[in-house]
Amino acid sequence: MLDIRKYIRDVVDFPKKGIVFKDITPLVGDPRALSQTVEELARPFAKAGVEKVAAIEARGFIFGALVAQRLGAGLAPMRKPGKLPAKTVAARYNLEYGTDSIEMHADAFAPGTKVLIVDDVLATGGTLAAACELVRKLGGQVVGVACVIELSFLHGRQKLAGQQVHSLLQVESET
């Protein structure tokens, strides 16, 4: 069993001063580490009957597509506004200063579909909470949320109360 923590690189002061960015490119660049990560993300949901994986732009696409393949499910991309070509549905979420939103195609899945949401990082929880809202707007059933890294010190899990949340690495402090 590989320690995937060894494949996460800290980049100080990116994208702005004071931030320690968790870079996953070494992880996705190593075939064994990537394979194990996908297996560990999918494992808790193997018997949940997942029919679609909703993956959040952009790094969530990497893991979401592979988890969908592993679970025998389809992929439903969630993107920033204006990036999807057909009719979309949106959910807004708060940022430190302002708001943002994510969208997915209105026909991404049928009502009642069991959906797993995948992203690379759970930080403040705003994006993942909006993703859950979006799935519910379309009549989907959120079976859980899976992410590679959870920045526990930001308490994002609190915004996902009532959801099964699975993260592979928990980071307890900024440093």
N, C-alpha and C. Protein backbone atom coordinates (compact mmCIF):
# COMPACT_ATOMS: atom_id res chain seq x y z
N MET A 1 0.85 -1.18 0.00
CA MET A 1 0.00 0.00 0.00
C MET A 1 0.89 1.24 0.00
N LEU A 2 0.71 2.10 -0.99
CA LEU A 2 1.48 3.33 -1.07
C LEU A 2 0.92 4.39 -0.14
N ASP A 3 1.79 5.23 0.37
CA ASP A 3 1.36 6.39 1.14
C ASP A 3 1.19 7.54 0.14
N ILE A 4 -0.05 7.80 -0.27
CA ILE A 4 -0.25 8.81 -1.31
C ILE A 4 0.13 10.21 -0.85
N ARG A 5 0.24 10.41 0.45
CA ARG A 5 0.67 11.71 0.97
C ARG A 5 2.04 12.09 0.37
N LYS A 6 2.87 11.10 0.10
CA LYS A 6 4.20 11.35 -0.46
C LYS A 6 4.13 11.90 -1.88
N TYR A 7 2.95 11.79 -2.50
CA TYR A 7 2.78 12.24 -3.88
C TYR A 7 2.04 13.57 -3.99
N ILE A 8 1.80 14.20 -2.85
CA ILE A 8 1.16 15.52 -2.83
C ILE A 8 2.25 16.54 -2.49
N ARG A 9 2.43 17.49 -3.39
CA ARG A 9 3.48 18.49 -3.22
C ARG A 9 2.88 19.79 -2.70
N ASP A 10 3.47 20.35 -1.66
CA ASP A 10 3.06 21.67 -1.16
C ASP A 10 3.77 22.75 -1.97
N VAL A 11 2.99 23.70 -2.49
CA VAL A 11 3.54 24.84 -3.20
C VAL A 11 3.15 26.09 -2.40
N VAL A 12 4.15 26.70 -1.79
CA VAL A 12 3.93 27.86 -0.92
C VAL A 12 3.66 29.11 -1.75
N ASP A 13 2.70 29.91 -1.26
CA ASP A 13 2.33 31.19 -1.88
C ASP A 13 1.76 31.02 -3.29
N PHE A 14 1.00 29.96 -3.49
CA PHE A 14 0.29 29.77 -4.77
C PHE A 14 -1.16 29.43 -4.46
N PRO A 15 -2.13 30.01 -5.12
CA PRO A 15 -2.02 31.00 -6.20
C PRO A 15 -1.77 32.42 -5.72
N LYS A 16 -1.76 32.62 -4.38
CA LYS A 16 -1.42 33.94 -3.85
C LYS A 16 -0.68 33.78 -2.53
N LYS A 17 -0.05 34.84 -2.11
CA LYS A 17 0.76 34.83 -0.89
C LYS A 17 -0.08 34.36 0.30
N GLY A 18 0.50 33.49 1.11
CA GLY A 18 -0.15 32.98 2.30
C GLY A 18 -0.88 31.66 2.11
N ILE A 19 -1.02 31.22 0.87
CA ILE A 19 -1.70 29.95 0.58
C ILE A 19 -0.64 28.87 0.38
N VAL A 20 -0.91 27.68 0.95
CA VAL A 20 -0.07 26.51 0.68
C VAL A 20 -0.92 25.58 -0.19
N PHE A 21 -0.65 25.58 -1.49
CA PHE A 21 -1.40 24.83 -2.47
C PHE A 21 -1.01 23.36 -2.43
N LYS A 22 -1.99 22.49 -2.44
CA LYS A 22 -1.76 21.04 -2.47
C LYS A 22 -1.76 20.59 -3.93
N ASP A 23 -0.57 20.36 -4.47
CA ASP A 23 -0.39 20.01 -5.88
C ASP A 23 -0.47 18.50 -6.06
N ILE A 24 -1.43 18.07 -6.87
CA ILE A 24 -1.65 16.63 -7.11
C ILE A 24 -0.93 16.12 -8.35
N THR A 25 -0.20 16.98 -9.07
CA THR A 25 0.42 16.50 -10.32
C THR A 25 1.41 15.36 -10.10
N PRO A 26 2.20 15.33 -9.01
CA PRO A 26 3.03 14.14 -8.81
C PRO A 26 2.19 12.87 -8.61
N LEU A 27 1.06 13.00 -7.97
CA LEU A 27 0.16 11.86 -7.73
C LEU A 27 -0.38 11.31 -9.04
N VAL A 28 -0.92 12.19 -9.89
CA VAL A 28 -1.50 11.72 -11.15
C VAL A 28 -0.43 11.32 -12.15
N GLY A 29 0.81 11.74 -11.91
CA GLY A 29 1.92 11.37 -12.79
C GLY A 29 2.51 10.01 -12.51
N ASP A 30 2.14 9.40 -11.40
CA ASP A 30 2.66 8.08 -11.03
C ASP A 30 1.55 7.04 -11.19
N PRO A 31 1.71 6.09 -12.10
CA PRO A 31 0.62 5.15 -12.38
C PRO A 31 0.15 4.34 -11.17
N ARG A 32 1.07 3.91 -10.32
CA ARG A 32 0.68 3.13 -9.14
C ARG A 32 -0.08 3.98 -8.14
N ALA A 33 0.43 5.19 -7.89
CA ALA A 33 -0.23 6.09 -6.94
C ALA A 33 -1.61 6.50 -7.45
N LEU A 34 -1.73 6.78 -8.73
CA LEU A 34 -3.01 7.15 -9.31
C LEU A 34 -4.00 5.99 -9.23
N SER A 35 -3.56 4.82 -9.58
CA SER A 35 -4.43 3.64 -9.53
C SER A 35 -4.93 3.38 -8.11
N GLN A 36 -4.04 3.46 -7.14
CA GLN A 36 -4.43 3.23 -5.75
C GLN A 36 -5.40 4.32 -5.28
N THR A 37 -5.14 5.55 -5.66
CA THR A 37 -6.02 6.65 -5.27
C THR A 37 -7.44 6.42 -5.80
N VAL A 38 -7.55 6.06 -7.05
CA VAL A 38 -8.86 5.80 -7.65
C VAL A 38 -9.56 4.64 -6.94
N GLU A 39 -8.81 3.59 -6.67
CA GLU A 39 -9.37 2.43 -5.96
C GLU A 39 -9.89 2.83 -4.59
N GLU A 40 -9.12 3.62 -3.86
CA GLU A 40 -9.51 4.03 -2.51
C GLU A 40 -10.68 5.02 -2.52
N LEU A 41 -10.77 5.86 -3.55
CA LEU A 41 -11.92 6.76 -3.67
C LEU A 41 -13.20 5.98 -3.95
N ALA A 42 -13.10 4.96 -4.77
CA ALA A 42 -14.28 4.19 -5.19
C ALA A 42 -14.73 3.17 -4.15
N ARG A 43 -13.79 2.62 -3.39
CA ARG A 43 -14.06 1.48 -2.50
C ARG A 43 -15.31 1.64 -1.62
N PRO A 44 -15.49 2.75 -0.88
CA PRO A 44 -16.66 2.85 0.01
C PRO A 44 -18.00 2.87 -0.74
N PHE A 45 -17.96 3.10 -2.05
CA PHE A 45 -19.19 3.25 -2.81
C PHE A 45 -19.41 2.09 -3.79
N ALA A 46 -18.58 1.05 -3.68
CA ALA A 46 -18.64 -0.06 -4.62
C ALA A 46 -19.99 -0.78 -4.62
N LYS A 47 -20.66 -0.79 -3.48
CA LYS A 47 -21.95 -1.49 -3.40
C LYS A 47 -23.12 -0.52 -3.24
N ALA A 48 -22.90 0.75 -3.55
CA ALA A 48 -23.94 1.77 -3.36
C ALA A 48 -24.83 1.94 -4.59
N GLY A 49 -24.54 1.21 -5.66
CA GLY A 49 -25.35 1.33 -6.86
C GLY A 49 -25.17 2.64 -7.61
N VAL A 50 -23.96 3.21 -7.54
CA VAL A 50 -23.69 4.48 -8.20
C VAL A 50 -23.92 4.34 -9.71
N GLU A 51 -24.76 5.24 -10.24
CA GLU A 51 -25.06 5.23 -11.67
C GLU A 51 -24.34 6.34 -12.42
N LYS A 52 -24.09 7.45 -11.73
CA LYS A 52 -23.35 8.58 -12.32
C LYS A 52 -22.37 9.10 -11.30
N VAL A 53 -21.24 9.56 -11.80
CA VAL A 53 -20.28 10.28 -10.98
C VAL A 53 -20.30 11.72 -11.49
N ALA A 54 -20.60 12.64 -10.60
CA ALA A 54 -20.56 14.07 -10.93
C ALA A 54 -19.19 14.57 -10.51
N ALA A 55 -18.41 15.01 -11.49
CA ALA A 55 -17.04 15.45 -11.24
C ALA A 55 -16.95 16.96 -11.43
N ILE A 56 -16.27 17.61 -10.49
CA ILE A 56 -16.19 19.07 -10.48
C ILE A 56 -14.93 19.55 -11.20
N GLU A 57 -15.13 20.54 -12.07
CA GLU A 57 -14.04 21.13 -12.83
C GLU A 57 -12.98 21.67 -11.89
N ALA A 58 -11.76 21.56 -12.16
CA ALA A 58 -11.10 20.89 -13.25
C ALA A 58 -10.41 19.61 -12.75
N ARG A 59 -9.74 19.68 -11.62
CA ARG A 59 -9.00 18.50 -11.17
C ARG A 59 -9.93 17.37 -10.76
N GLY A 60 -11.16 17.68 -10.41
CA GLY A 60 -12.14 16.64 -10.10
C GLY A 60 -12.44 15.76 -11.30
N PHE A 61 -12.25 16.32 -12.52
CA PHE A 61 -12.47 15.52 -13.74
C PHE A 61 -11.50 14.34 -13.80
N ILE A 62 -10.27 14.57 -13.39
CA ILE A 62 -9.25 13.52 -13.46
C ILE A 62 -9.71 12.31 -12.65
N PHE A 63 -10.04 12.57 -11.40
CA PHE A 63 -10.43 11.47 -10.51
C PHE A 63 -11.84 10.97 -10.81
N GLY A 64 -12.74 11.89 -11.11
CA GLY A 64 -14.13 11.51 -11.36
C GLY A 64 -14.29 10.55 -12.52
N ALA A 65 -13.59 10.81 -13.61
CA ALA A 65 -13.70 9.93 -14.78
C ALA A 65 -13.18 8.53 -14.45
N LEU A 66 -12.08 8.46 -13.74
CA LEU A 66 -11.51 7.16 -13.39
C LEU A 66 -12.36 6.41 -12.36
N VAL A 67 -12.92 7.14 -11.40
CA VAL A 67 -13.81 6.52 -10.41
C VAL A 67 -15.07 6.01 -11.11
N ALA A 68 -15.61 6.80 -12.04
CA ALA A 68 -16.80 6.37 -12.79
C ALA A 68 -16.50 5.06 -13.53
N GLN A 69 -15.37 5.01 -14.18
CA GLN A 69 -14.98 3.79 -14.90
C GLN A 69 -14.87 2.62 -13.92
N ARG A 70 -14.23 2.85 -12.80
CA ARG A 70 -14.04 1.79 -11.80
C ARG A 70 -15.37 1.27 -11.26
N LEU A 71 -16.36 2.17 -11.10
CA LEU A 71 -17.67 1.79 -10.56
C LEU A 71 -18.66 1.36 -11.64
N GLY A 72 -18.26 1.43 -12.90
CA GLY A 72 -19.17 1.07 -13.99
C GLY A 72 -20.30 2.09 -14.14
N ALA A 73 -19.99 3.36 -13.86
CA ALA A 73 -20.98 4.43 -13.91
C ALA A 73 -20.64 5.41 -15.03
N GLY A 74 -21.59 6.27 -15.36
CA GLY A 74 -21.35 7.34 -16.31
C GLY A 74 -20.77 8.55 -15.60
N LEU A 75 -20.33 9.52 -16.38
CA LEU A 75 -19.74 10.74 -15.84
C LEU A 75 -20.62 11.93 -16.19
N ALA A 76 -20.87 12.79 -15.20
CA ALA A 76 -21.62 14.03 -15.41
C ALA A 76 -20.72 15.19 -14.97
N PRO A 77 -20.15 15.93 -15.91
CA PRO A 77 -19.26 17.03 -15.53
C PRO A 77 -20.00 18.21 -14.95
N MET A 78 -19.41 18.82 -13.93
CA MET A 78 -19.89 20.07 -13.34
C MET A 78 -18.84 21.12 -13.66
N ARG A 79 -19.31 22.23 -14.28
CA ARG A 79 -18.35 23.22 -14.78
C ARG A 79 -18.69 24.63 -14.33
N LYS A 80 -17.75 25.52 -14.53
CA LYS A 80 -17.98 26.94 -14.31
C LYS A 80 -19.02 27.41 -15.32
N PRO A 81 -19.72 28.52 -15.02
CA PRO A 81 -20.77 29.00 -15.92
C PRO A 81 -20.28 29.25 -17.35
N GLY A 82 -21.14 28.89 -18.30
CA GLY A 82 -20.88 29.16 -19.71
C GLY A 82 -19.98 28.18 -20.41
N LYS A 83 -19.59 27.09 -19.76
CA LYS A 83 -18.65 26.13 -20.35
C LYS A 83 -19.33 24.90 -20.97
N LEU A 84 -20.59 24.66 -20.63
CA LEU A 84 -21.30 23.50 -21.16
C LEU A 84 -22.20 23.94 -22.31
N PRO A 85 -22.27 23.14 -23.39
CA PRO A 85 -22.94 23.59 -24.61
C PRO A 85 -24.48 23.50 -24.62
N ALA A 86 -25.06 22.64 -23.85
CA ALA A 86 -26.52 22.46 -23.89
C ALA A 86 -27.16 23.18 -22.70
N LYS A 87 -28.47 23.02 -22.54
CA LYS A 87 -29.20 23.66 -21.45
C LYS A 87 -28.62 23.20 -20.11
N THR A 88 -28.42 24.15 -19.19
CA THR A 88 -27.80 23.84 -17.90
C THR A 88 -28.69 24.25 -16.73
N VAL A 89 -28.33 23.72 -15.58
CA VAL A 89 -28.90 24.09 -14.29
C VAL A 89 -27.71 24.51 -13.43
N ALA A 90 -27.91 25.55 -12.60
CA ALA A 90 -26.80 26.09 -11.82
C ALA A 90 -27.10 26.07 -10.33
N ALA A 91 -26.03 26.09 -9.54
CA ALA A 91 -26.11 26.27 -8.09
C ALA A 91 -25.03 27.27 -7.71
N ARG A 92 -25.39 28.22 -6.86
CA ARG A 92 -24.46 29.26 -6.41
C ARG A 92 -23.90 28.90 -5.04
N TYR A 93 -22.70 29.41 -4.78
CA TYR A 93 -22.09 29.22 -3.47
C TYR A 93 -21.26 30.44 -3.11
N ASN A 94 -21.04 30.62 -1.82
CA ASN A 94 -20.32 31.78 -1.33
C ASN A 94 -18.82 31.54 -1.32
N LEU A 95 -18.11 32.60 -1.66
CA LEU A 95 -16.67 32.65 -1.56
C LEU A 95 -16.32 33.63 -0.45
N GLU A 96 -15.04 33.75 -0.16
CA GLU A 96 -14.62 34.69 0.88
C GLU A 96 -15.11 36.11 0.57
N TYR A 97 -15.02 36.49 -0.70
CA TYR A 97 -15.49 37.80 -1.14
C TYR A 97 -16.35 37.60 -2.38
N GLY A 98 -17.65 37.41 -2.20
CA GLY A 98 -18.55 37.27 -3.34
C GLY A 98 -19.13 35.87 -3.45
N THR A 99 -19.58 35.55 -4.66
CA THR A 99 -20.18 34.25 -4.92
C THR A 99 -19.65 33.70 -6.24
N ASP A 100 -19.89 32.42 -6.44
CA ASP A 100 -19.56 31.75 -7.69
C ASP A 100 -20.65 30.74 -7.94
N SER A 101 -20.59 30.05 -9.04
CA SER A 101 -21.57 29.00 -9.31
C SER A 101 -20.97 27.91 -10.17
N ILE A 102 -21.64 26.78 -10.13
CA ILE A 102 -21.29 25.66 -11.00
C ILE A 102 -22.55 25.24 -11.74
N GLU A 103 -22.35 24.64 -12.89
CA GLU A 103 -23.47 24.21 -13.72
C GLU A 103 -23.26 22.77 -14.18
N MET A 104 -24.37 22.15 -14.53
CA MET A 104 -24.30 20.87 -15.22
C MET A 104 -25.45 20.82 -16.20
N HIS A 105 -25.36 19.94 -17.18
CA HIS A 105 -26.43 19.82 -18.15
C HIS A 105 -27.72 19.41 -17.46
N ALA A 106 -28.82 20.00 -17.90
CA ALA A 106 -30.13 19.72 -17.32
C ALA A 106 -30.54 18.26 -17.53
N ASP A 107 -29.97 17.63 -18.55
CA ASP A 107 -30.29 16.22 -18.83
C ASP A 107 -29.13 15.28 -18.47
N ALA A 108 -28.31 15.68 -17.49
CA ALA A 108 -27.12 14.89 -17.12
C ALA A 108 -27.49 13.51 -16.61
N PHE A 109 -28.67 13.38 -15.99
CA PHE A 109 -29.15 12.09 -15.52
C PHE A 109 -30.64 12.19 -15.26
N ALA A 110 -31.28 11.05 -15.17
CA ALA A 110 -32.72 11.00 -14.92
C ALA A 110 -33.01 11.16 -13.43
N PRO A 111 -34.19 11.66 -13.08
CA PRO A 111 -34.57 11.73 -11.67
C PRO A 111 -34.44 10.36 -11.01
N GLY A 112 -33.98 10.35 -9.77
CA GLY A 112 -33.80 9.11 -9.03
C GLY A 112 -32.44 8.45 -9.21
N THR A 113 -31.63 8.98 -10.11
CA THR A 113 -30.30 8.42 -10.35
C THR A 113 -29.42 8.57 -9.11
N LYS A 114 -28.68 7.51 -8.80
CA LYS A 114 -27.74 7.54 -7.68
C LYS A 114 -26.42 8.14 -8.15
N VAL A 115 -26.03 9.25 -7.49
CA VAL A 115 -24.90 10.05 -7.94
C VAL A 115 -23.84 10.16 -6.83
N LEU A 116 -22.60 9.90 -7.20
CA LEU A 116 -21.44 10.13 -6.34
C LEU A 116 -20.76 11.40 -6.84
N ILE A 117 -20.45 12.32 -5.94
CA ILE A 117 -19.77 13.56 -6.31
C ILE A 117 -18.29 13.42 -5.98
N VAL A 118 -17.42 13.76 -6.94
CA VAL A 118 -15.97 13.60 -6.77
C VAL A 118 -15.26 14.91 -7.08
N ASP A 119 -14.32 15.26 -6.21
CA ASP A 119 -13.44 16.40 -6.45
C ASP A 119 -12.08 16.08 -5.85
N ASP A 120 -11.10 16.92 -6.11
CA ASP A 120 -9.77 16.66 -5.59
C ASP A 120 -9.64 17.09 -4.13
N VAL A 121 -10.22 18.27 -3.78
CA VAL A 121 -10.02 18.83 -2.45
C VAL A 121 -11.35 19.27 -1.84
N LEU A 122 -11.53 18.95 -0.58
CA LEU A 122 -12.61 19.52 0.23
C LEU A 122 -11.95 20.59 1.09
N ALA A 123 -12.27 21.85 0.82
CA ALA A 123 -11.70 22.96 1.60
C ALA A 123 -12.81 23.54 2.48
N THR A 124 -13.40 24.65 2.08
CA THR A 124 -14.43 25.28 2.89
C THR A 124 -15.79 24.59 2.73
N GLY A 125 -15.93 23.76 1.73
CA GLY A 125 -17.16 23.00 1.53
C GLY A 125 -18.19 23.66 0.63
N GLY A 126 -17.97 24.90 0.25
CA GLY A 126 -18.94 25.62 -0.56
C GLY A 126 -19.20 24.98 -1.91
N THR A 127 -18.15 24.61 -2.62
CA THR A 127 -18.31 24.02 -3.94
C THR A 127 -19.01 22.66 -3.84
N LEU A 128 -18.59 21.83 -2.92
CA LEU A 128 -19.21 20.51 -2.78
C LEU A 128 -20.64 20.59 -2.29
N ALA A 129 -20.96 21.54 -1.43
CA ALA A 129 -22.35 21.73 -1.00
C ALA A 129 -23.20 22.16 -2.18
N ALA A 130 -22.68 23.05 -3.02
CA ALA A 130 -23.40 23.47 -4.23
C ALA A 130 -23.58 22.30 -5.19
N ALA A 131 -22.57 21.45 -5.28
CA ALA A 131 -22.68 20.27 -6.14
C ALA A 131 -23.80 19.35 -5.66
N CYS A 132 -23.90 19.15 -4.35
CA CYS A 132 -24.99 18.33 -3.79
C CYS A 132 -26.34 18.96 -4.12
N GLU A 133 -26.42 20.28 -3.96
CA GLU A 133 -27.66 21.00 -4.28
C GLU A 133 -28.04 20.81 -5.75
N LEU A 134 -27.06 20.90 -6.61
CA LEU A 134 -27.28 20.77 -8.05
C LEU A 134 -27.80 19.38 -8.40
N VAL A 135 -27.21 18.36 -7.83
CA VAL A 135 -27.68 16.99 -8.07
C VAL A 135 -29.13 16.85 -7.62
N ARG A 136 -29.45 17.39 -6.47
CA ARG A 136 -30.83 17.31 -5.95
C ARG A 136 -31.80 18.10 -6.83
N LYS A 137 -31.37 19.26 -7.34
CA LYS A 137 -32.22 20.05 -8.24
C LYS A 137 -32.66 19.23 -9.45
N LEU A 138 -31.77 18.37 -9.91
CA LEU A 138 -32.08 17.53 -11.07
C LEU A 138 -32.79 16.23 -10.68
N GLY A 139 -33.10 16.08 -9.39
CA GLY A 139 -33.82 14.90 -8.94
C GLY A 139 -32.94 13.71 -8.62
N GLY A 140 -31.63 13.92 -8.61
CA GLY A 140 -30.71 12.83 -8.30
C GLY A 140 -30.61 12.58 -6.80
N GLN A 141 -30.12 11.40 -6.47
CA GLN A 141 -29.90 11.01 -5.08
C GLN A 141 -28.40 11.01 -4.83
N VAL A 142 -27.93 11.90 -3.96
CA VAL A 142 -26.50 11.96 -3.64
C VAL A 142 -26.17 10.79 -2.71
N VAL A 143 -25.33 9.86 -3.19
CA VAL A 143 -24.96 8.72 -2.34
C VAL A 143 -23.71 9.03 -1.52
N GLY A 144 -22.99 10.08 -1.91
CA GLY A 144 -21.81 10.46 -1.15
C GLY A 144 -20.95 11.45 -1.89
N VAL A 145 -19.92 11.89 -1.18
CA VAL A 145 -18.93 12.82 -1.70
C VAL A 145 -17.57 12.19 -1.45
N ALA A 146 -16.73 12.16 -2.47
CA ALA A 146 -15.39 11.60 -2.34
C ALA A 146 -14.36 12.62 -2.83
N CYS A 147 -13.29 12.78 -2.06
CA CYS A 147 -12.22 13.67 -2.46
C CYS A 147 -10.88 13.09 -1.99
N VAL A 148 -9.84 13.52 -2.65
CA VAL A 148 -8.51 13.03 -2.32
C VAL A 148 -8.01 13.68 -1.03
N ILE A 149 -8.14 15.00 -0.93
CA ILE A 149 -7.58 15.76 0.19
C ILE A 149 -8.69 16.53 0.89
N GLU A 150 -8.69 16.50 2.21
CA GLU A 150 -9.61 17.31 2.99
C GLU A 150 -8.79 18.24 3.87
N LEU A 151 -9.00 19.54 3.70
CA LEU A 151 -8.34 20.53 4.54
C LEU A 151 -9.21 20.70 5.79
N SER A 152 -9.04 19.80 6.74
CA SER A 152 -9.91 19.71 7.92
C SER A 152 -9.97 21.01 8.72
N PHE A 153 -8.87 21.75 8.74
CA PHE A 153 -8.81 22.99 9.51
C PHE A 153 -9.77 24.06 8.98
N LEU A 154 -10.33 23.86 7.77
CA LEU A 154 -11.30 24.81 7.22
C LEU A 154 -12.75 24.40 7.51
N HIS A 155 -12.94 23.22 8.10
CA HIS A 155 -14.25 22.74 8.55
C HIS A 155 -15.30 22.65 7.45
N GLY A 156 -14.88 22.34 6.23
CA GLY A 156 -15.81 22.23 5.11
C GLY A 156 -16.81 21.10 5.23
N ARG A 157 -16.46 20.07 5.96
CA ARG A 157 -17.35 18.93 6.16
C ARG A 157 -18.67 19.36 6.80
N GLN A 158 -18.63 20.42 7.61
CA GLN A 158 -19.84 20.91 8.27
C GLN A 158 -20.91 21.34 7.27
N LYS A 159 -20.50 21.84 6.12
CA LYS A 159 -21.47 22.24 5.09
C LYS A 159 -22.07 21.04 4.36
N LEU A 160 -21.54 19.87 4.64
CA LEU A 160 -22.02 18.65 3.98
C LEU A 160 -22.73 17.73 4.98
N ALA A 161 -23.24 18.31 6.05
CA ALA A 161 -23.92 17.54 7.10
C ALA A 161 -25.00 16.65 6.47
N GLY A 162 -25.04 15.41 6.91
CA GLY A 162 -26.02 14.46 6.40
C GLY A 162 -25.54 13.68 5.20
N GLN A 163 -24.40 14.04 4.63
CA GLN A 163 -23.84 13.32 3.49
C GLN A 163 -22.69 12.42 3.94
N GLN A 164 -22.56 11.29 3.29
CA GLN A 164 -21.37 10.48 3.51
C GLN A 164 -20.21 11.18 2.81
N VAL A 165 -19.17 11.50 3.56
CA VAL A 165 -18.00 12.17 3.01
C VAL A 165 -16.80 11.25 3.20
N HIS A 166 -16.11 11.00 2.11
CA HIS A 166 -14.93 10.13 2.14
C HIS A 166 -13.75 10.90 1.58
N SER A 167 -12.72 11.11 2.41
CA SER A 167 -11.50 11.75 1.94
C SER A 167 -10.32 10.85 2.30
N LEU A 168 -9.33 10.85 1.43
CA LEU A 168 -8.18 9.96 1.63
C LEU A 168 -7.14 10.55 2.56
N LEU A 169 -6.93 11.85 2.49
CA LEU A 169 -5.95 12.54 3.32
C LEU A 169 -6.61 13.69 4.04
N GLN A 170 -6.40 13.79 5.35
CA GLN A 170 -6.90 14.91 6.11
C GLN A 170 -5.71 15.77 6.52
N VAL A 171 -5.76 17.04 6.14
CA VAL A 171 -4.72 17.99 6.50
C VAL A 171 -5.26 18.82 7.65
N GLU A 172 -4.60 18.75 8.81
CA GLU A 172 -5.10 19.37 10.03
C GLU A 172 -4.71 20.83 10.22
N SER A 173 -3.69 21.31 9.50
CA SER A 173 -3.29 22.70 9.63
C SER A 173 -2.77 23.21 8.29
N GLU A 174 -2.66 24.54 8.19
CA GLU A 174 -2.21 25.15 6.95
C GLU A 174 -0.77 24.82 6.59
N THR A 175 0.04 24.55 7.58
CA THR A 175 1.46 24.33 7.32
C THR A 175 1.80 22.86 7.19
